[in-house]
Amino acid sequence: MIPAQTNPHRRRLVVGALVTVLTGTLGMLLIDGTMLPASAAPSVTPKATVSISGWNLTLPVDSSGCQCGSAEQLSPAAIKSPWLTRASDGSLVFWAPTKGATTPNSAHPRTELVSTSSFAGDSSSTHTLTATLSIQKLPPANDIIVGQIHGGGSSSSIPLLLLHYNSGSLDVWVRPTPSTGSQKVATLVTGVPLNKSFSYTISETGSSMHVSTTYGGSTKSTTIALGSGFDGMTLRFQAGDYQQSDANSSSTEGGKLTITALSQS
């Protein structure tokens, strides 16, 4: 006698039907032979992918991939391992080593998004950048610029407003005029540890700029006058990992952060 063959497809159908019946009649689930309340079924959290549409990307390497010389800019932005990668939850992971290429007028390698949209200083419209992020690693300077209002076009070497994460503090720096250096005008939050999420909003309307930060359920903000020298200047947003240690030869030092939400308008 040849033993009867078991139909695996039939087995799966029967088990599936049993789960359905038990769920519908008893409010129970049969999982791996164990009866569980239907409410114990694992939930699925939707993954939100952080978009890089509308951005270019400045890299800590030159056009040949060397961590030296003049920084390359990808137009448009694209995932570029190991400098910019995407985590399984859709967030963006930025790595900016201290050994790297730099942009003109800067001694600090960066992995930073640069907006492809620009606006005029002192315009009547409101322009806003928002982000949620966490810092995983700091460079020796313990300082990363995570968001900026920056000059564009012929003024691309002039930063206007910079938000620094410095040893756990969120500091706002502003350049009063195009020809003077940046000055710290406010410390909004202190004690933000590594690997803890925080958010910021940077906006410009007319003759003023506004920065707010949120951490641990507390929001702090400041408003700063736009220097008259910036009236009509082409401006843009920049966001990411502009670490503040000078370029060196270290193979391990640098700044690392993860952005879980990002938008500009």
Protein backbone atom coordinates (compact mmCIF):
# COMPACT_ATOMS: atom_id res chain seq x y z
CA MET A 1 0.00 0.00 0.00
CA ILE A 2 1.24 3.54 -0.84
CA PRO A 3 0.51 5.97 2.00
CA ALA A 4 -1.83 8.82 1.14
CA GLN A 5 -0.02 12.06 0.37
CA THR A 6 -0.80 15.14 2.41
CA ASN A 7 -1.75 18.18 0.34
CA PRO A 8 0.21 21.14 1.78
CA HIS A 9 -2.04 23.64 0.02
CA ARG A 10 -5.10 22.12 1.64
CA ARG A 11 -3.37 22.28 5.03
CA ARG A 12 -2.70 25.98 4.66
CA LEU A 13 -6.27 26.64 3.60
CA VAL A 14 -7.64 24.76 6.61
CA VAL A 15 -5.38 26.61 9.04
CA GLY A 16 -6.26 29.95 7.46
CA ALA A 17 -9.97 29.14 7.72
CA LEU A 18 -9.55 28.12 11.36
CA VAL A 19 -7.88 31.42 12.20
CA THR A 20 -10.70 33.30 10.48
CA VAL A 21 -13.42 31.32 12.26
CA LEU A 22 -11.78 31.64 15.66
CA THR A 23 -11.23 35.36 15.19
CA GLY A 24 -14.79 35.95 14.11
CA THR A 25 -16.54 33.76 16.70
CA LEU A 26 -14.33 33.88 19.77
CA GLY A 27 -12.28 37.02 19.31
CA MET A 28 -9.22 34.78 19.38
CA LEU A 29 -6.26 34.07 17.10
CA LEU A 30 -4.46 30.74 16.68
CA ILE A 31 -0.75 31.58 16.16
CA ASP A 32 1.83 28.78 16.20
CA GLY A 33 -0.62 26.58 18.05
CA THR A 34 -1.28 29.19 20.77
CA MET A 35 -4.63 30.85 21.37
CA LEU A 36 -4.23 34.64 21.69
CA PRO A 37 -6.76 37.47 21.89
CA ALA A 38 -7.29 39.11 18.51
CA SER A 39 -6.14 42.39 20.08
CA ALA A 40 -2.70 40.83 20.58
CA ALA A 41 -2.06 40.61 16.84
CA PRO A 42 1.07 42.60 15.95
CA SER A 43 0.37 46.08 14.58
CA VAL A 44 2.05 47.40 11.46
CA THR A 45 3.46 50.94 11.64
CA PRO A 46 3.50 52.72 8.26
CA LYS A 47 6.97 53.77 7.12
CA ALA A 48 7.39 57.40 6.10
CA THR A 49 10.15 57.95 3.59
CA VAL A 50 11.93 61.30 3.93
CA SER A 51 11.96 62.87 0.48
CA ILE A 52 15.08 64.42 -1.05
CA SER A 53 13.11 65.88 -3.96
CA GLY A 54 13.78 69.61 -4.24
CA TRP A 55 17.33 69.34 -2.90
CA ASN A 56 20.91 69.11 -4.14
CA LEU A 57 23.53 67.34 -2.03
CA THR A 58 27.00 68.59 -1.07
CA LEU A 59 29.41 65.71 -0.42
CA PRO A 60 32.69 65.44 1.54
CA VAL A 61 34.45 64.11 -1.57
CA ASP A 62 35.56 65.62 -4.86
CA SER A 63 34.24 64.59 -8.30
CA SER A 64 36.63 61.60 -8.39
CA GLY A 65 35.54 60.34 -4.97
CA CYS A 66 38.65 61.54 -3.11
CA GLN A 67 38.18 62.84 0.44
CA CYS A 68 40.19 65.90 -0.58
CA GLY A 69 40.02 69.01 -2.71
CA SER A 70 36.77 70.72 -3.72
CA ALA A 71 33.47 69.22 -2.59
CA GLU A 72 31.21 67.70 -5.23
CA GLN A 73 27.54 68.63 -5.37
CA LEU A 74 24.99 66.14 -6.70
CA SER A 75 22.21 67.83 -8.66
CA PRO A 76 19.65 66.61 -7.85
CA ALA A 77 20.37 64.96 -4.49
CA ALA A 78 20.69 61.18 -4.45
CA ILE A 79 21.49 58.49 -1.91
CA LYS A 80 25.28 58.18 -1.90
CA SER A 81 26.77 55.62 0.50
CA PRO A 82 28.41 56.02 2.95
CA TRP A 83 27.76 59.77 3.10
CA LEU A 84 23.98 59.69 2.74
CA THR A 85 22.07 56.45 3.23
CA ARG A 86 18.45 55.49 3.84
CA ALA A 87 17.50 53.47 6.92
CA SER A 88 14.87 50.72 6.81
CA ASP A 89 12.26 53.08 8.28
CA GLY A 90 12.73 55.58 5.44
CA SER A 91 14.81 58.10 7.40
CA LEU A 92 18.02 59.68 6.07
CA VAL A 93 21.38 58.95 7.73
CA PHE A 94 24.11 61.57 7.18
CA TRP A 95 27.83 60.91 7.74
CA ALA A 96 30.29 63.82 7.40
CA PRO A 97 33.88 62.80 8.21
CA THR A 98 36.50 65.33 9.25
CA LYS A 99 38.67 63.91 6.48
CA GLY A 100 37.03 65.26 3.36
CA ALA A 101 36.64 67.75 0.56
CA THR A 102 35.38 71.24 1.39
CA THR A 103 33.41 73.99 -0.30
CA PRO A 104 34.94 77.41 -1.10
CA ASN A 105 35.43 79.61 2.00
CA SER A 106 34.95 76.68 4.41
CA ALA A 107 37.46 74.44 6.21
CA HIS A 108 34.80 71.93 7.28
CA PRO A 109 33.73 68.88 5.22
CA ARG A 110 29.98 68.37 5.11
CA THR A 111 27.17 66.13 3.88
CA GLU A 112 24.40 68.66 3.45
CA LEU A 113 21.22 69.15 1.45
CA VAL A 114 20.97 72.43 -0.46
CA SER A 115 17.54 73.60 -1.59
CA THR A 116 16.93 73.93 -5.32
CA SER A 117 14.41 76.70 -4.55
CA SER A 118 15.39 80.22 -3.59
CA PHE A 119 13.61 83.31 -2.30
CA ALA A 120 14.40 86.98 -1.88
CA GLY A 121 15.29 88.44 1.49
CA ASP A 122 12.72 90.88 2.90
CA SER A 123 9.94 89.55 0.66
CA SER A 124 6.36 89.57 1.94
CA SER A 125 6.00 85.79 1.65
CA THR A 126 6.83 83.31 4.43
CA HIS A 127 9.45 80.65 3.73
CA THR A 128 9.84 77.75 6.17
CA LEU A 129 12.18 74.82 6.83
CA THR A 130 11.23 72.12 9.34
CA ALA A 131 13.11 68.99 10.42
CA THR A 132 13.08 66.25 13.04
CA LEU A 133 16.38 64.55 13.75
CA SER A 134 18.79 62.98 16.23
CA ILE A 135 22.58 63.14 16.52
CA GLN A 136 24.52 59.88 16.74
CA LYS A 137 28.13 61.12 16.72
CA LEU A 138 29.89 64.44 17.15
CA PRO A 139 33.20 65.57 15.61
CA PRO A 140 36.04 66.75 17.88
CA ALA A 141 34.60 70.29 17.81
CA ASN A 142 31.36 68.85 19.33
CA ASP A 143 29.43 71.05 16.90
CA ILE A 144 27.23 70.40 13.84
CA ILE A 145 25.21 72.98 11.91
CA VAL A 146 21.90 71.20 11.24
CA GLY A 147 19.92 73.92 9.44
CA GLN A 148 20.61 77.22 7.67
CA ILE A 149 19.27 80.18 5.79
CA HIS A 150 22.09 80.71 3.32
CA GLY A 151 22.86 83.01 0.45
CA GLY A 152 22.29 81.65 -3.05
CA GLY A 153 23.35 82.60 -6.54
CA SER A 154 26.13 85.20 -6.45
CA SER A 155 25.85 85.25 -2.62
CA SER A 156 26.40 81.50 -2.18
CA SER A 157 29.41 82.05 0.09
CA ILE A 158 27.38 84.00 2.67
CA PRO A 159 25.52 82.21 5.48
CA LEU A 160 22.78 84.29 7.09
CA LEU A 161 21.30 82.17 9.91
CA LEU A 162 22.72 78.94 11.32
CA LEU A 163 21.29 76.48 13.85
CA HIS A 164 24.08 74.66 15.71
CA TYR A 165 23.86 71.47 17.79
CA ASN A 166 26.79 72.12 20.13
CA SER A 167 27.46 69.61 22.94
CA GLY A 168 23.72 69.15 23.47
CA SER A 169 22.71 72.80 23.09
CA LEU A 170 20.76 74.27 20.18
CA ASP A 171 22.28 77.65 19.40
CA VAL A 172 21.19 80.25 16.84
CA TRP A 173 23.91 82.22 15.05
CA VAL A 174 23.20 85.14 12.73
CA ARG A 175 25.31 87.31 10.42
CA PRO A 176 24.19 90.93 10.99
CA THR A 177 25.45 92.11 7.60
CA PRO A 178 26.80 90.30 4.53
CA SER A 179 30.34 91.50 5.32
CA THR A 180 30.51 90.66 9.05
CA GLY A 181 31.01 87.34 10.81
CA SER A 182 28.27 85.27 12.45
CA GLN A 183 27.37 85.91 16.10
CA LYS A 184 25.50 83.73 18.57
CA VAL A 185 22.18 85.40 19.40
CA ALA A 186 20.32 82.71 21.37
CA THR A 187 20.58 79.32 23.05
CA LEU A 188 17.13 77.78 22.77
CA VAL A 189 17.63 74.35 24.36
CA THR A 190 20.31 72.66 26.46
CA GLY A 191 20.86 69.06 27.51
CA VAL A 192 19.78 67.29 24.30
CA PRO A 193 21.72 64.00 24.44
CA LEU A 194 22.94 61.92 21.53
CA ASN A 195 20.36 59.58 19.96
CA LYS A 196 17.41 61.64 21.24
CA SER A 197 14.98 63.18 18.77
CA PHE A 198 14.37 66.92 18.52
CA SER A 199 12.72 69.21 15.97
CA TYR A 200 13.28 72.67 14.60
CA THR A 201 11.53 75.23 12.41
CA ILE A 202 13.36 78.07 10.65
CA SER A 203 11.35 80.70 8.78
CA GLU A 204 11.80 84.09 7.13
CA THR A 205 9.07 86.65 6.53
CA GLY A 206 9.61 90.24 5.49
CA SER A 207 12.28 91.78 7.69
CA SER A 208 12.42 89.05 10.35
CA MET A 209 13.55 85.47 10.88
CA HIS A 210 12.06 83.03 13.38
CA VAL A 211 13.60 79.87 14.88
CA SER A 212 11.84 77.40 17.17
CA THR A 213 13.08 74.13 18.63
CA THR A 214 11.19 71.34 20.37
CA TYR A 215 12.67 68.72 22.69
CA GLY A 216 11.03 66.65 25.41
CA GLY A 217 7.66 68.30 24.89
CA SER A 218 9.07 71.82 25.41
CA THR A 219 9.27 74.41 22.61
CA LYS A 220 11.53 77.46 22.70
CA SER A 221 11.77 80.15 20.03
CA THR A 222 13.39 83.42 19.07
CA THR A 223 12.80 86.11 16.44
CA ILE A 224 15.67 88.01 14.85
CA ALA A 225 15.61 91.06 12.60
CA LEU A 226 16.85 90.54 9.07
CA GLY A 227 19.83 92.82 8.46
CA SER A 228 19.08 95.52 5.90
CA GLY A 229 22.08 94.37 3.84
CA PHE A 230 20.17 91.20 3.01
CA ASP A 231 17.19 93.00 1.48
CA GLY A 232 16.53 91.47 -1.93
CA MET A 233 19.43 88.99 -1.63
CA THR A 234 18.82 85.52 -3.08
CA LEU A 235 18.42 83.09 -0.14
CA ARG A 236 17.87 79.35 0.23
CA PHE A 237 17.63 76.68 2.93
CA GLN A 238 20.30 74.11 3.72
CA ALA A 239 19.89 71.13 6.07
CA GLY A 240 21.91 68.13 7.15
CA ASP A 241 25.35 67.45 8.59
CA TYR A 242 27.68 70.46 8.36
CA GLN A 243 30.17 69.31 11.01
CA GLN A 244 32.40 72.05 12.41
CA SER A 245 35.83 70.43 12.80
CA ASP A 246 38.53 71.47 10.35
CA ALA A 247 39.46 68.94 7.68
CA ASN A 248 42.11 66.50 8.90
CA SER A 249 43.44 63.02 8.12
CA SER A 250 41.42 61.03 10.67
CA SER A 251 39.67 57.93 9.35
CA THR A 252 37.14 57.79 12.21
CA GLU A 253 36.25 61.33 13.32
CA GLY A 254 33.19 63.16 12.07
CA GLY A 255 29.53 63.92 12.60
CA LYS A 256 26.63 61.52 12.12
CA LEU A 257 22.91 62.26 12.34
CA THR A 258 19.54 60.88 11.25
CA ILE A 259 16.69 62.98 9.84
CA THR A 260 13.25 61.41 10.27
CA ALA A 261 11.19 64.30 8.87
CA LEU A 262 12.08 67.17 6.54
CA SER A 263 10.10 69.75 4.60
CA GLN A 264 10.47 73.20 3.07
CA SER A 265 7.91 75.63 1.77
